[in-house]
Amino acid sequence: MTQEAGRCGGLDSQALLLAAGLADLAVSTVGSALGTVRGLLRRSDAAELAAEAEHELVARGRLVLARYTAVPPAHLEILAQRALARKATGGV
Protein backbone atom coordinates (compact mmCIF):
# COMPACT_ATOMS: atom_id res chain seq x y z
CA MET A 1 0.00 0.00 0.00
CA THR A 2 1.33 3.42 -0.89
CA GLN A 3 -0.30 6.82 -0.83
CA GLU A 4 -3.61 5.23 -1.76
CA ALA A 5 -3.89 3.60 1.70
CA GLY A 6 -5.67 6.62 3.17
CA ARG A 7 -8.23 6.91 0.38
CA CYS A 8 -11.29 4.86 -0.35
CA GLY A 9 -10.25 2.95 -3.43
CA GLY A 10 -12.11 0.42 -5.50
CA LEU A 11 -13.94 -2.67 -4.42
CA ASP A 12 -10.66 -4.57 -3.93
CA SER A 13 -9.34 -2.11 -1.36
CA GLN A 14 -12.77 -1.93 0.29
CA ALA A 15 -12.82 -5.73 0.59
CA LEU A 16 -9.26 -5.73 1.96
CA LEU A 17 -10.15 -3.14 4.57
CA LEU A 18 -13.27 -5.07 5.58
CA ALA A 19 -11.30 -8.31 5.85
CA ALA A 20 -8.57 -6.68 7.94
CA GLY A 21 -11.17 -5.10 10.22
CA LEU A 22 -13.00 -8.38 10.63
CA ALA A 23 -9.78 -10.24 11.42
CA ASP A 24 -8.75 -7.70 14.04
CA LEU A 25 -12.22 -7.73 15.54
CA ALA A 26 -12.24 -11.52 15.73
CA VAL A 27 -8.84 -11.67 17.42
CA SER A 28 -9.45 -8.95 19.98
CA THR A 29 -13.14 -9.29 20.87
CA VAL A 30 -14.55 -12.72 20.04
CA GLY A 31 -16.61 -13.00 23.21
CA SER A 32 -18.14 -9.56 23.04
CA ALA A 33 -18.80 -9.91 19.32
CA LEU A 34 -21.01 -12.93 19.97
CA GLY A 35 -22.97 -11.00 22.57
CA THR A 36 -23.32 -8.09 20.16
CA VAL A 37 -24.64 -10.38 17.41
CA ARG A 38 -27.22 -11.83 19.76
CA GLY A 39 -28.34 -8.32 20.65
CA LEU A 40 -28.51 -7.31 16.97
CA LEU A 41 -30.78 -10.22 16.11
CA ARG A 42 -33.33 -8.99 18.63
CA ARG A 43 -33.40 -5.40 17.32
CA SER A 44 -35.80 -4.00 14.76
CA ASP A 45 -33.26 -1.59 13.25
CA ALA A 46 -30.80 -4.35 12.33
CA ALA A 47 -30.22 -3.00 8.78
CA GLU A 48 -29.10 0.40 10.07
CA LEU A 49 -26.90 -1.21 12.68
CA ALA A 50 -25.36 -3.50 10.04
CA ALA A 51 -24.50 -0.47 7.87
CA GLU A 52 -22.95 1.28 10.86
CA ALA A 53 -20.99 -1.86 11.72
CA GLU A 54 -19.67 -2.01 8.16
CA HIS A 55 -18.40 1.57 8.41
CA GLU A 56 -16.76 0.80 11.74
CA LEU A 57 -15.10 -2.31 10.31
CA VAL A 58 -13.75 -0.33 7.36
CA ALA A 59 -12.29 2.24 9.76
CA ARG A 60 -10.85 -0.53 11.91
CA GLY A 61 -9.37 -2.16 8.81
CA ARG A 62 -7.67 1.11 7.88
CA LEU A 63 -6.15 1.33 11.34
CA VAL A 64 -4.92 -2.27 11.20
CA LEU A 65 -3.35 -1.82 7.78
CA ALA A 66 -1.75 1.44 8.83
CA ARG A 67 -0.37 -0.22 11.97
CA TYR A 68 1.22 -3.17 10.18
CA THR A 69 2.16 -1.71 6.79
CA ALA A 70 3.67 1.60 7.85
CA VAL A 71 7.40 1.72 7.28
CA PRO A 72 9.29 3.45 10.09
CA PRO A 73 11.70 6.22 9.06
CA ALA A 74 15.32 5.22 8.49
CA HIS A 75 17.34 5.74 11.67
CA LEU A 76 20.48 6.98 9.93
CA GLU A 77 18.46 9.38 7.79
CA ILE A 78 16.96 10.95 10.93
CA LEU A 79 20.42 11.30 12.48
CA ALA A 80 21.78 12.93 9.31
CA GLN A 81 18.86 15.40 9.21
CA ARG A 82 19.45 16.34 12.85
CA ALA A 83 23.17 16.83 12.22
CA LEU A 84 22.44 19.09 9.24
CA ALA A 85 19.93 21.09 11.26
CA ARG A 86 22.47 21.51 14.07
CA LYS A 87 25.12 22.59 11.59
CA ALA A 88 22.76 25.12 10.03
CA THR A 89 21.98 26.73 13.39
CA GLY A 90 25.66 26.98 14.28
CA GLY A 91 25.61 24.19 16.84
CA VAL A 92 28.30 21.55 17.15
PDB file of N, CA and C in Angstrom:
ATOM      1  N   MET A   1       0.841  -1.179   0.000  1.00  0.00           N
ATOM      2  CA  MET A   1       0.000   0.000   0.000  1.00  0.00           C
ATOM      3  C   MET A   1       0.881   1.235   0.000  1.00  0.00           C
ATOM      4  N   THR A   2       0.556   2.191  -0.810  1.00  0.00           N
ATOM      5  CA  THR A   2       1.326   3.422  -0.888  1.00  0.00           C
ATOM      6  C   THR A   2       0.460   4.571  -0.436  1.00  0.00           C
ATOM      7  N   GLN A   3       0.471   5.641  -1.185  1.00  0.00           N
ATOM      8  CA  GLN A   3      -0.298   6.824  -0.825  1.00  0.00           C
ATOM      9  C   GLN A   3      -1.792   6.556  -0.890  1.00  0.00           C
ATOM     10  N   GLU A   4      -2.194   5.533  -1.598  1.00  0.00           N
ATOM     11  CA  GLU A   4      -3.608   5.229  -1.756  1.00  0.00           C
ATOM     12  C   GLU A   4      -4.213   4.622  -0.494  1.00  0.00           C
ATOM     13  N   ALA A   5      -3.384   4.271   0.507  1.00  0.00           N
ATOM     14  CA  ALA A   5      -3.887   3.596   1.699  1.00  0.00           C
ATOM     15  C   ALA A   5      -4.895   4.442   2.458  1.00  0.00           C
ATOM     16  N   GLY A   6      -4.762   5.759   2.429  1.00  0.00           N
ATOM     17  CA  GLY A   6      -5.667   6.622   3.166  1.00  0.00           C
ATOM     18  C   GLY A   6      -6.975   6.875   2.453  1.00  0.00           C
ATOM     19  N   ARG A   7      -7.030   6.611   1.168  1.00  0.00           N
ATOM     20  CA  ARG A   7      -8.227   6.905   0.381  1.00  0.00           C
ATOM     21  C   ARG A   7      -9.120   5.682   0.265  1.00  0.00           C
ATOM     22  N   CYS A   8     -10.386   5.946  -0.014  1.00  0.00           N
ATOM     23  CA  CYS A   8     -11.292   4.863  -0.345  1.00  0.00           C
ATOM     24  C   CYS A   8     -11.051   4.515  -1.795  1.00  0.00           C
ATOM     25  N   GLY A   9     -10.537   3.349  -2.072  1.00  0.00           N
ATOM     26  CA  GLY A   9     -10.246   2.946  -3.432  1.00  0.00           C
ATOM     27  C   GLY A   9     -11.409   2.172  -4.009  1.00  0.00           C
ATOM     28  N   GLY A  10     -11.090   1.224  -4.856  1.00  0.00           N
ATOM     29  CA  GLY A  10     -12.110   0.419  -5.499  1.00  0.00           C
ATOM     30  C   GLY A  10     -12.646  -0.648  -4.579  1.00  0.00           C
ATOM     31  N   LEU A  11     -13.343  -1.588  -5.198  1.00  0.00           N
ATOM     32  CA  LEU A  11     -13.936  -2.674  -4.417  1.00  0.00           C
ATOM     33  C   LEU A  11     -12.876  -3.572  -3.794  1.00  0.00           C
ATOM     34  N   ASP A  12     -11.725  -3.731  -4.477  1.00  0.00           N
ATOM     35  CA  ASP A  12     -10.659  -4.573  -3.928  1.00  0.00           C
ATOM     36  C   ASP A  12     -10.130  -4.007  -2.621  1.00  0.00           C
ATOM     37  N   SER A  13      -9.858  -2.708  -2.592  1.00  0.00           N
ATOM     38  CA  SER A  13      -9.343  -2.113  -1.360  1.00  0.00           C
ATOM     39  C   SER A  13     -10.416  -2.093  -0.278  1.00  0.00           C
ATOM     40  N   GLN A  14     -11.661  -1.897  -0.671  1.00  0.00           N
ATOM     41  CA  GLN A  14     -12.766  -1.928   0.290  1.00  0.00           C
ATOM     42  C   GLN A  14     -12.867  -3.320   0.919  1.00  0.00           C
ATOM     43  N   ALA A  15     -12.756  -4.357   0.080  1.00  0.00           N
ATOM     44  CA  ALA A  15     -12.821  -5.727   0.588  1.00  0.00           C
ATOM     45  C   ALA A  15     -11.633  -6.025   1.491  1.00  0.00           C
ATOM     46  N   LEU A  16     -10.442  -5.529   1.129  1.00  0.00           N
ATOM     47  CA  LEU A  16      -9.262  -5.734   1.958  1.00  0.00           C
ATOM     48  C   LEU A  16      -9.419  -5.063   3.311  1.00  0.00           C
ATOM     49  N   LEU A  17      -9.943  -3.844   3.317  1.00  0.00           N
ATOM     50  CA  LEU A  17     -10.155  -3.137   4.573  1.00  0.00           C
ATOM     51  C   LEU A  17     -11.189  -3.850   5.441  1.00  0.00           C
ATOM     52  N   LEU A  18     -12.263  -4.321   4.817  1.00  0.00           N
ATOM     53  CA  LEU A  18     -13.274  -5.066   5.576  1.00  0.00           C
ATOM     54  C   LEU A  18     -12.696  -6.340   6.168  1.00  0.00           C
ATOM     55  N   ALA A  19     -11.895  -7.068   5.371  1.00  0.00           N
ATOM     56  CA  ALA A  19     -11.297  -8.314   5.848  1.00  0.00           C
ATOM     57  C   ALA A  19     -10.328  -8.052   6.995  1.00  0.00           C
ATOM     58  N   ALA A  20      -9.509  -7.007   6.875  1.00  0.00           N
ATOM     59  CA  ALA A  20      -8.568  -6.684   7.942  1.00  0.00           C
ATOM     60  C   ALA A  20      -9.304  -6.271   9.213  1.00  0.00           C
ATOM     61  N   GLY A  21     -10.370  -5.501   9.057  1.00  0.00           N
ATOM     62  CA  GLY A  21     -11.167  -5.100  10.217  1.00  0.00           C
ATOM     63  C   GLY A  21     -11.841  -6.281  10.882  1.00  0.00           C
ATOM     64  N   LEU A  22     -12.374  -7.180  10.073  1.00  0.00           N
ATOM     65  CA  LEU A  22     -13.002  -8.379  10.628  1.00  0.00           C
ATOM     66  C   LEU A  22     -11.996  -9.260  11.352  1.00  0.00           C
ATOM     67  N   ALA A  23     -10.805  -9.415  10.781  1.00  0.00           N
ATOM     68  CA  ALA A  23      -9.780 -10.244  11.417  1.00  0.00           C
ATOM     69  C   ALA A  23      -9.358  -9.648  12.753  1.00  0.00           C
ATOM     70  N   ASP A  24      -9.141  -8.348  12.795  1.00  0.00           N
ATOM     71  CA  ASP A  24      -8.750  -7.702  14.040  1.00  0.00           C
ATOM     72  C   ASP A  24      -9.856  -7.806  15.082  1.00  0.00           C
ATOM     73  N   LEU A  25     -11.079  -7.624  14.635  1.00  0.00           N
ATOM     74  CA  LEU A  25     -12.219  -7.726  15.543  1.00  0.00           C
ATOM     75  C   LEU A  25     -12.323  -9.134  16.118  1.00  0.00           C
ATOM     76  N   ALA A  26     -12.138 -10.132  15.276  1.00  0.00           N
ATOM     77  CA  ALA A  26     -12.241 -11.521  15.729  1.00  0.00           C
ATOM     78  C   ALA A  26     -11.159 -11.857  16.736  1.00  0.00           C
ATOM     79  N   VAL A  27      -9.947 -11.366  16.516  1.00  0.00           N
ATOM     80  CA  VAL A  27      -8.844 -11.667  17.417  1.00  0.00           C
ATOM     81  C   VAL A  27      -9.014 -10.978  18.753  1.00  0.00           C
ATOM     82  N   SER A  28      -9.430  -9.729  18.736  1.00  0.00           N
ATOM     83  CA  SER A  28      -9.454  -8.951  19.978  1.00  0.00           C
ATOM     84  C   SER A  28     -10.745  -9.084  20.788  1.00  0.00           C
ATOM     85  N   THR A  29     -11.882  -9.333  20.129  1.00  0.00           N
ATOM     86  CA  THR A  29     -13.144  -9.287  20.874  1.00  0.00           C
ATOM     87  C   THR A  29     -14.117 -10.393  20.468  1.00  0.00           C
ATOM     88  N   VAL A  30     -13.670 -11.630  20.451  1.00  0.00           N
ATOM     89  CA  VAL A  30     -14.554 -12.725  20.036  1.00  0.00           C
ATOM     90  C   VAL A  30     -15.747 -12.853  20.976  1.00  0.00           C
ATOM     91  N   GLY A  31     -15.512 -12.837  22.251  1.00  0.00           N
ATOM     92  CA  GLY A  31     -16.609 -12.998  23.211  1.00  0.00           C
ATOM     93  C   GLY A  31     -17.643 -11.898  23.127  1.00  0.00           C
ATOM     94  N   SER A  32     -17.186 -10.665  23.090  1.00  0.00           N
ATOM     95  CA  SER A  32     -18.144  -9.557  23.043  1.00  0.00           C
ATOM     96  C   SER A  32     -18.841  -9.467  21.692  1.00  0.00           C
ATOM     97  N   ALA A  33     -18.160  -9.920  20.633  1.00  0.00           N
ATOM     98  CA  ALA A  33     -18.796  -9.909  19.315  1.00  0.00           C
ATOM     99  C   ALA A  33     -20.000 -10.845  19.285  1.00  0.00           C
ATOM    100  N   LEU A  34     -19.872 -12.002  19.923  1.00  0.00           N
ATOM    101  CA  LEU A  34     -21.011 -12.926  19.968  1.00  0.00           C
ATOM    102  C   LEU A  34     -22.184 -12.323  20.736  1.00  0.00           C
ATOM    103  N   GLY A  35     -21.894 -11.659  21.829  1.00  0.00           N
ATOM    104  CA  GLY A  35     -22.966 -10.996  22.574  1.00  0.00           C
ATOM    105  C   GLY A  35     -23.609  -9.885  21.761  1.00  0.00           C
ATOM    106  N   THR A  36     -22.803  -9.160  20.997  1.00  0.00           N
ATOM    107  CA  THR A  36     -23.324  -8.089  20.156  1.00  0.00           C
ATOM    108  C   THR A  36     -24.228  -8.653  19.066  1.00  0.00           C
ATOM    109  N   VAL A  37     -23.826  -9.758  18.463  1.00  0.00           N
ATOM    110  CA  VAL A  37     -24.641 -10.383  17.407  1.00  0.00           C
ATOM    111  C   VAL A  37     -25.979 -10.834  17.973  1.00  0.00           C
ATOM    112  N   ARG A  38     -25.951 -11.417  19.137  1.00  0.00           N
ATOM    113  CA  ARG A  38     -27.220 -11.834  19.764  1.00  0.00           C
ATOM    114  C   ARG A  38     -28.128 -10.634  19.991  1.00  0.00           C
ATOM    115  N   GLY A  39     -27.543  -9.537  20.435  1.00  0.00           N
ATOM    116  CA  GLY A  39     -28.340  -8.324  20.645  1.00  0.00           C
ATOM    117  C   GLY A  39     -28.873  -7.760  19.344  1.00  0.00           C
ATOM    118  N   LEU A  40     -28.077  -7.827  18.270  1.00  0.00           N
ATOM    119  CA  LEU A  40     -28.513  -7.312  16.973  1.00  0.00           C
ATOM    120  C   LEU A  40     -29.697  -8.092  16.415  1.00  0.00           C
ATOM    121  N   LEU A  41     -29.691  -9.394  16.641  1.00  0.00           N
ATOM    122  CA  LEU A  41     -30.775 -10.220  16.112  1.00  0.00           C
ATOM    123  C   LEU A  41     -32.116  -9.885  16.751  1.00  0.00           C
ATOM    124  N   ARG A  42     -32.091  -9.325  17.934  1.00  0.00           N
ATOM    125  CA  ARG A  42     -33.326  -8.986  18.633  1.00  0.00           C
ATOM    126  C   ARG A  42     -33.828  -7.580  18.293  1.00  0.00           C
ATOM    127  N   ARG A  43     -33.042  -6.800  17.576  1.00  0.00           N
ATOM    128  CA  ARG A  43     -33.401  -5.403  17.317  1.00  0.00           C
ATOM    129  C   ARG A  43     -34.172  -5.256  16.022  1.00  0.00           C
ATOM    130  N   SER A  44     -35.009  -4.232  15.962  1.00  0.00           N
ATOM    131  CA  SER A  44     -35.798  -3.995  14.756  1.00  0.00           C
ATOM    132  C   SER A  44     -35.045  -3.145  13.732  1.00  0.00           C
ATOM    133  N   ASP A  45     -34.031  -2.425  14.163  1.00  0.00           N
ATOM    134  CA  ASP A  45     -33.258  -1.587  13.247  1.00  0.00           C
ATOM    135  C   ASP A  45     -31.939  -2.256  12.861  1.00  0.00           C
ATOM    136  N   ALA A  46     -32.002  -3.559  12.622  1.00  0.00           N
ATOM    137  CA  ALA A  46     -30.800  -4.347  12.332  1.00  0.00           C
ATOM    138  C   ALA A  46     -30.102  -3.879  11.048  1.00  0.00           C
ATOM    139  N   ALA A  47     -30.846  -3.435  10.033  1.00  0.00           N
ATOM    140  CA  ALA A  47     -30.224  -2.999   8.778  1.00  0.00           C
ATOM    141  C   ALA A  47     -29.369  -1.756   9.002  1.00  0.00           C
ATOM    142  N   GLU A  48     -29.875  -0.806   9.773  1.00  0.00           N
ATOM    143  CA  GLU A  48     -29.100   0.402  10.069  1.00  0.00           C
ATOM    144  C   GLU A  48     -27.866   0.073  10.898  1.00  0.00           C
ATOM    145  N   LEU A  49     -28.033  -0.822  11.860  1.00  0.00           N
ATOM    146  CA  LEU A  49     -26.897  -1.212  12.684  1.00  0.00           C
ATOM    147  C   LEU A  49     -25.850  -1.964  11.871  1.00  0.00           C
ATOM    148  N   ALA A  50     -26.297  -2.772  10.907  1.00  0.00           N
ATOM    149  CA  ALA A  50     -25.357  -3.498  10.044  1.00  0.00           C
ATOM    150  C   ALA A  50     -24.562  -2.520   9.182  1.00  0.00           C
ATOM    151  N   ALA A  51     -25.199  -1.478   8.670  1.00  0.00           N
ATOM    152  CA  ALA A  51     -24.497  -0.472   7.873  1.00  0.00           C
ATOM    153  C   ALA A  51     -23.481   0.282   8.732  1.00  0.00           C
ATOM    154  N   GLU A  52     -23.874   0.613   9.947  1.00  0.00           N
ATOM    155  CA  GLU A  52     -22.955   1.281  10.861  1.00  0.00           C
ATOM    156  C   GLU A  52     -21.777   0.379  11.208  1.00  0.00           C
ATOM    157  N   ALA A  53     -22.060  -0.899  11.417  1.00  0.00           N
ATOM    158  CA  ALA A  53     -20.992  -1.856  11.718  1.00  0.00           C
ATOM    159  C   ALA A  53     -20.026  -1.977  10.551  1.00  0.00           C
ATOM    160  N   GLU A  54     -20.540  -1.949   9.332  1.00  0.00           N
ATOM    161  CA  GLU A  54     -19.667  -2.013   8.156  1.00  0.00           C
ATOM    162  C   GLU A  54     -18.723  -0.821   8.121  1.00  0.00           C
ATOM    163  N   HIS A  55     -19.245   0.374   8.395  1.00  0.00           N
ATOM    164  CA  HIS A  55     -18.403   1.572   8.412  1.00  0.00           C
ATOM    165  C   HIS A  55     -17.337   1.468   9.506  1.00  0.00           C
ATOM    166  N   GLU A  56     -17.715   0.960  10.653  1.00  0.00           N
ATOM    167  CA  GLU A  56     -16.761   0.805  11.741  1.00  0.00           C
ATOM    168  C   GLU A  56     -15.687  -0.223  11.392  1.00  0.00           C
ATOM    169  N   LEU A  57     -16.079  -1.305  10.712  1.00  0.00           N
ATOM    170  CA  LEU A  57     -15.099  -2.311  10.311  1.00  0.00           C
ATOM    171  C   LEU A  57     -14.135  -1.770   9.264  1.00  0.00           C
ATOM    172  N   VAL A  58     -14.626  -0.940   8.356  1.00  0.00           N
ATOM    173  CA  VAL A  58     -13.745  -0.325   7.358  1.00  0.00           C
ATOM    174  C   VAL A  58     -12.729   0.581   8.062  1.00  0.00           C
ATOM    175  N   ALA A  59     -13.200   1.371   9.021  1.00  0.00           N
ATOM    176  CA  ALA A  59     -12.292   2.244   9.763  1.00  0.00           C
ATOM    177  C   ALA A  59     -11.278   1.422  10.547  1.00  0.00           C
ATOM    178  N   ARG A  60     -11.740   0.347  11.152  1.00  0.00           N
ATOM    179  CA  ARG A  60     -10.849  -0.526  11.912  1.00  0.00           C
ATOM    180  C   ARG A  60      -9.831  -1.187  10.989  1.00  0.00           C
ATOM    181  N   GLY A  61     -10.276  -1.570   9.798  1.00  0.00           N
ATOM    182  CA  GLY A  61      -9.370  -2.157   8.813  1.00  0.00           C
ATOM    183  C   GLY A  61      -8.290  -1.178   8.397  1.00  0.00           C
ATOM    184  N   ARG A  62      -8.671   0.094   8.214  1.00  0.00           N
ATOM    185  CA  ARG A  62      -7.672   1.114   7.879  1.00  0.00           C
ATOM    186  C   ARG A  62      -6.625   1.228   8.984  1.00  0.00           C
ATOM    187  N   LEU A  63      -7.083   1.226  10.230  1.00  0.00           N
ATOM    188  CA  LEU A  63      -6.146   1.326  11.344  1.00  0.00           C
ATOM    189  C   LEU A  63      -5.205   0.128  11.399  1.00  0.00           C
ATOM    190  N   VAL A  64      -5.752  -1.068  11.179  1.00  0.00           N
ATOM    191  CA  VAL A  64      -4.922  -2.272  11.201  1.00  0.00           C
ATOM    192  C   VAL A  64      -3.875  -2.234  10.104  1.00  0.00           C
ATOM    193  N   LEU A  65      -4.303  -1.882   8.892  1.00  0.00           N
ATOM    194  CA  LEU A  65      -3.354  -1.824   7.784  1.00  0.00           C
ATOM    195  C   LEU A  65      -2.301  -0.749   8.011  1.00  0.00           C
ATOM    196  N   ALA A  66      -2.708   0.383   8.551  1.00  0.00           N
ATOM    197  CA  ALA A  66      -1.748   1.441   8.833  1.00  0.00           C
ATOM    198  C   ALA A  66      -0.751   1.000   9.905  1.00  0.00           C
ATOM    199  N   ARG A  67      -1.233   0.237  10.882  1.00  0.00           N
ATOM    200  CA  ARG A  67      -0.374  -0.216  11.974  1.00  0.00           C
ATOM    201  C   ARG A  67       0.685  -1.196  11.482  1.00  0.00           C
ATOM    202  N   TYR A  68       0.300  -2.107  10.582  1.00  0.00           N
ATOM    203  CA  TYR A  68       1.216  -3.169  10.182  1.00  0.00           C
ATOM    204  C   TYR A  68       1.929  -2.918   8.865  1.00  0.00           C
ATOM    205  N   THR A  69       1.499  -1.953   8.068  1.00  0.00           N
ATOM    206  CA  THR A  69       2.161  -1.713   6.791  1.00  0.00           C
ATOM    207  C   THR A  69       2.980  -0.442   6.781  1.00  0.00           C
ATOM    208  N   ALA A  70       2.905   0.358   7.818  1.00  0.00           N
ATOM    209  CA  ALA A  70       3.668   1.599   7.854  1.00  0.00           C
ATOM    210  C   ALA A  70       5.151   1.278   8.025  1.00  0.00           C
ATOM    211  N   VAL A  71       5.961   1.914   7.214  1.00  0.00           N
ATOM    212  CA  VAL A  71       7.399   1.716   7.284  1.00  0.00           C
ATOM    213  C   VAL A  71       7.978   2.806   8.173  1.00  0.00           C
ATOM    214  N   PRO A  72       8.710   2.426   9.224  1.00  0.00           N
ATOM    215  CA  PRO A  72       9.290   3.447  10.091  1.00  0.00           C
ATOM    216  C   PRO A  72      10.399   4.196   9.353  1.00  0.00           C
ATOM    217  N   PRO A  73      10.643   5.445   9.732  1.00  0.00           N
ATOM    218  CA  PRO A  73      11.696   6.217   9.064  1.00  0.00           C
ATOM    219  C   PRO A  73      13.067   5.596   9.322  1.00  0.00           C
ATOM    220  N   ALA A  74      13.968   5.763   8.372  1.00  0.00           N
ATOM    221  CA  ALA A  74      15.316   5.221   8.492  1.00  0.00           C
ATOM    222  C   ALA A  74      16.062   5.951   9.610  1.00  0.00           C
ATOM    223  N   HIS A  75      16.656   5.184  10.497  1.00  0.00           N
ATOM    224  CA  HIS A  75      17.339   5.738  11.674  1.00  0.00           C
ATOM    225  C   HIS A  75      18.503   6.639  11.271  1.00  0.00           C
ATOM    226  N   LEU A  76      19.330   6.172  10.348  1.00  0.00           N
ATOM    227  CA  LEU A  76      20.481   6.977   9.928  1.00  0.00           C
ATOM    228  C   LEU A  76      20.052   8.247   9.210  1.00  0.00           C
ATOM    229  N   GLU A  77      18.969   8.182   8.476  1.00  0.00           N
ATOM    230  CA  GLU A  77      18.460   9.375   7.794  1.00  0.00           C
ATOM    231  C   GLU A  77      18.033  10.430   8.812  1.00  0.00           C
ATOM    232  N   ILE A  78      17.379  10.015   9.876  1.00  0.00           N
ATOM    233  CA  ILE A  78      16.959  10.948  10.931  1.00  0.00           C
ATOM    234  C   ILE A  78      18.177  11.581  11.591  1.00  0.00           C
ATOM    235  N   LEU A  79      19.206  10.768  11.877  1.00  0.00           N
ATOM    236  CA  LEU A  79      20.421  11.300  12.485  1.00  0.00           C
ATOM    237  C   LEU A  79      21.102  12.308  11.562  1.00  0.00           C
ATOM    238  N   ALA A  80      21.152  12.014  10.268  1.00  0.00           N
ATOM    239  CA  ALA A  80      21.776  12.928   9.308  1.00  0.00           C
ATOM    240  C   ALA A  80      21.008  14.249   9.238  1.00  0.00           C
ATOM    241  N   GLN A  81      19.672  14.176   9.251  1.00  0.00           N
ATOM    242  CA  GLN A  81      18.863  15.401   9.210  1.00  0.00           C
ATOM    243  C   GLN A  81      19.085  16.244  10.463  1.00  0.00           C
ATOM    244  N   ARG A  82      19.190  15.605  11.610  1.00  0.00           N
ATOM    245  CA  ARG A  82      19.447  16.343  12.854  1.00  0.00           C
ATOM    246  C   ARG A  82      20.818  16.994  12.827  1.00  0.00           C
ATOM    247  N   ALA A  83      21.821  16.277  12.300  1.00  0.00           N
ATOM    248  CA  ALA A  83      23.169  16.835  12.220  1.00  0.00           C
ATOM    249  C   ALA A  83      23.198  18.038  11.291  1.00  0.00           C
ATOM    250  N   LEU A  84      22.507  17.948  10.161  1.00  0.00           N
ATOM    251  CA  LEU A  84      22.443  19.085   9.239  1.00  0.00           C
ATOM    252  C   LEU A  84      21.736  20.275   9.876  1.00  0.00           C
ATOM    253  N   ALA A  85      20.665  20.012  10.599  1.00  0.00           N
ATOM    254  CA  ALA A  85      19.931  21.091  11.259  1.00  0.00           C
ATOM    255  C   ALA A  85      20.800  21.761  12.313  1.00  0.00           C
ATOM    256  N   ARG A  86      21.567  20.960  13.065  1.00  0.00           N
ATOM    257  CA  ARG A  86      22.470  21.510  14.075  1.00  0.00           C
ATOM    258  C   ARG A  86      23.554  22.367  13.442  1.00  0.00           C
ATOM    259  N   LYS A  87      24.094  21.865  12.315  1.00  0.00           N
ATOM    260  CA  LYS A  87      25.123  22.595  11.594  1.00  0.00           C
ATOM    261  C   LYS A  87      24.585  23.922  11.067  1.00  0.00           C
ATOM    262  N   ALA A  88      23.362  23.915  10.584  1.00  0.00           N
ATOM    263  CA  ALA A  88      22.755  25.123  10.029  1.00  0.00           C
ATOM    264  C   ALA A  88      22.509  26.186  11.085  1.00  0.00           C
ATOM    265  N   THR A  89      22.239  25.767  12.310  1.00  0.00           N
ATOM    266  CA  THR A  89      21.979  26.728  13.389  1.00  0.00           C
ATOM    267  C   THR A  89      23.258  27.158  14.102  1.00  0.00           C
ATOM    268  N   GLY A  90      24.398  26.596  13.685  1.00  0.00           N
ATOM    269  CA  GLY A  90      25.664  26.982  14.280  1.00  0.00           C
ATOM    270  C   GLY A  90      26.062  26.127  15.456  1.00  0.00           C
ATOM    271  N   GLY A  91      25.276  25.098  15.740  1.00  0.00           N
ATOM    272  CA  GLY A  91      25.605  24.187  16.837  1.00  0.00           C
ATOM    273  C   GLY A  91      26.695  23.214  16.450  1.00  0.00           C
ATOM    274  N   VAL A  92      27.217  22.514  17.413  1.00  0.00           N
ATOM    275  CA  VAL A  92      28.299  21.553  17.147  1.00  0.00           C
ATOM    276  C   VAL A  92      27.744  20.179  16.948  1.00  0.00           C
TER     277      VAL A  92
END
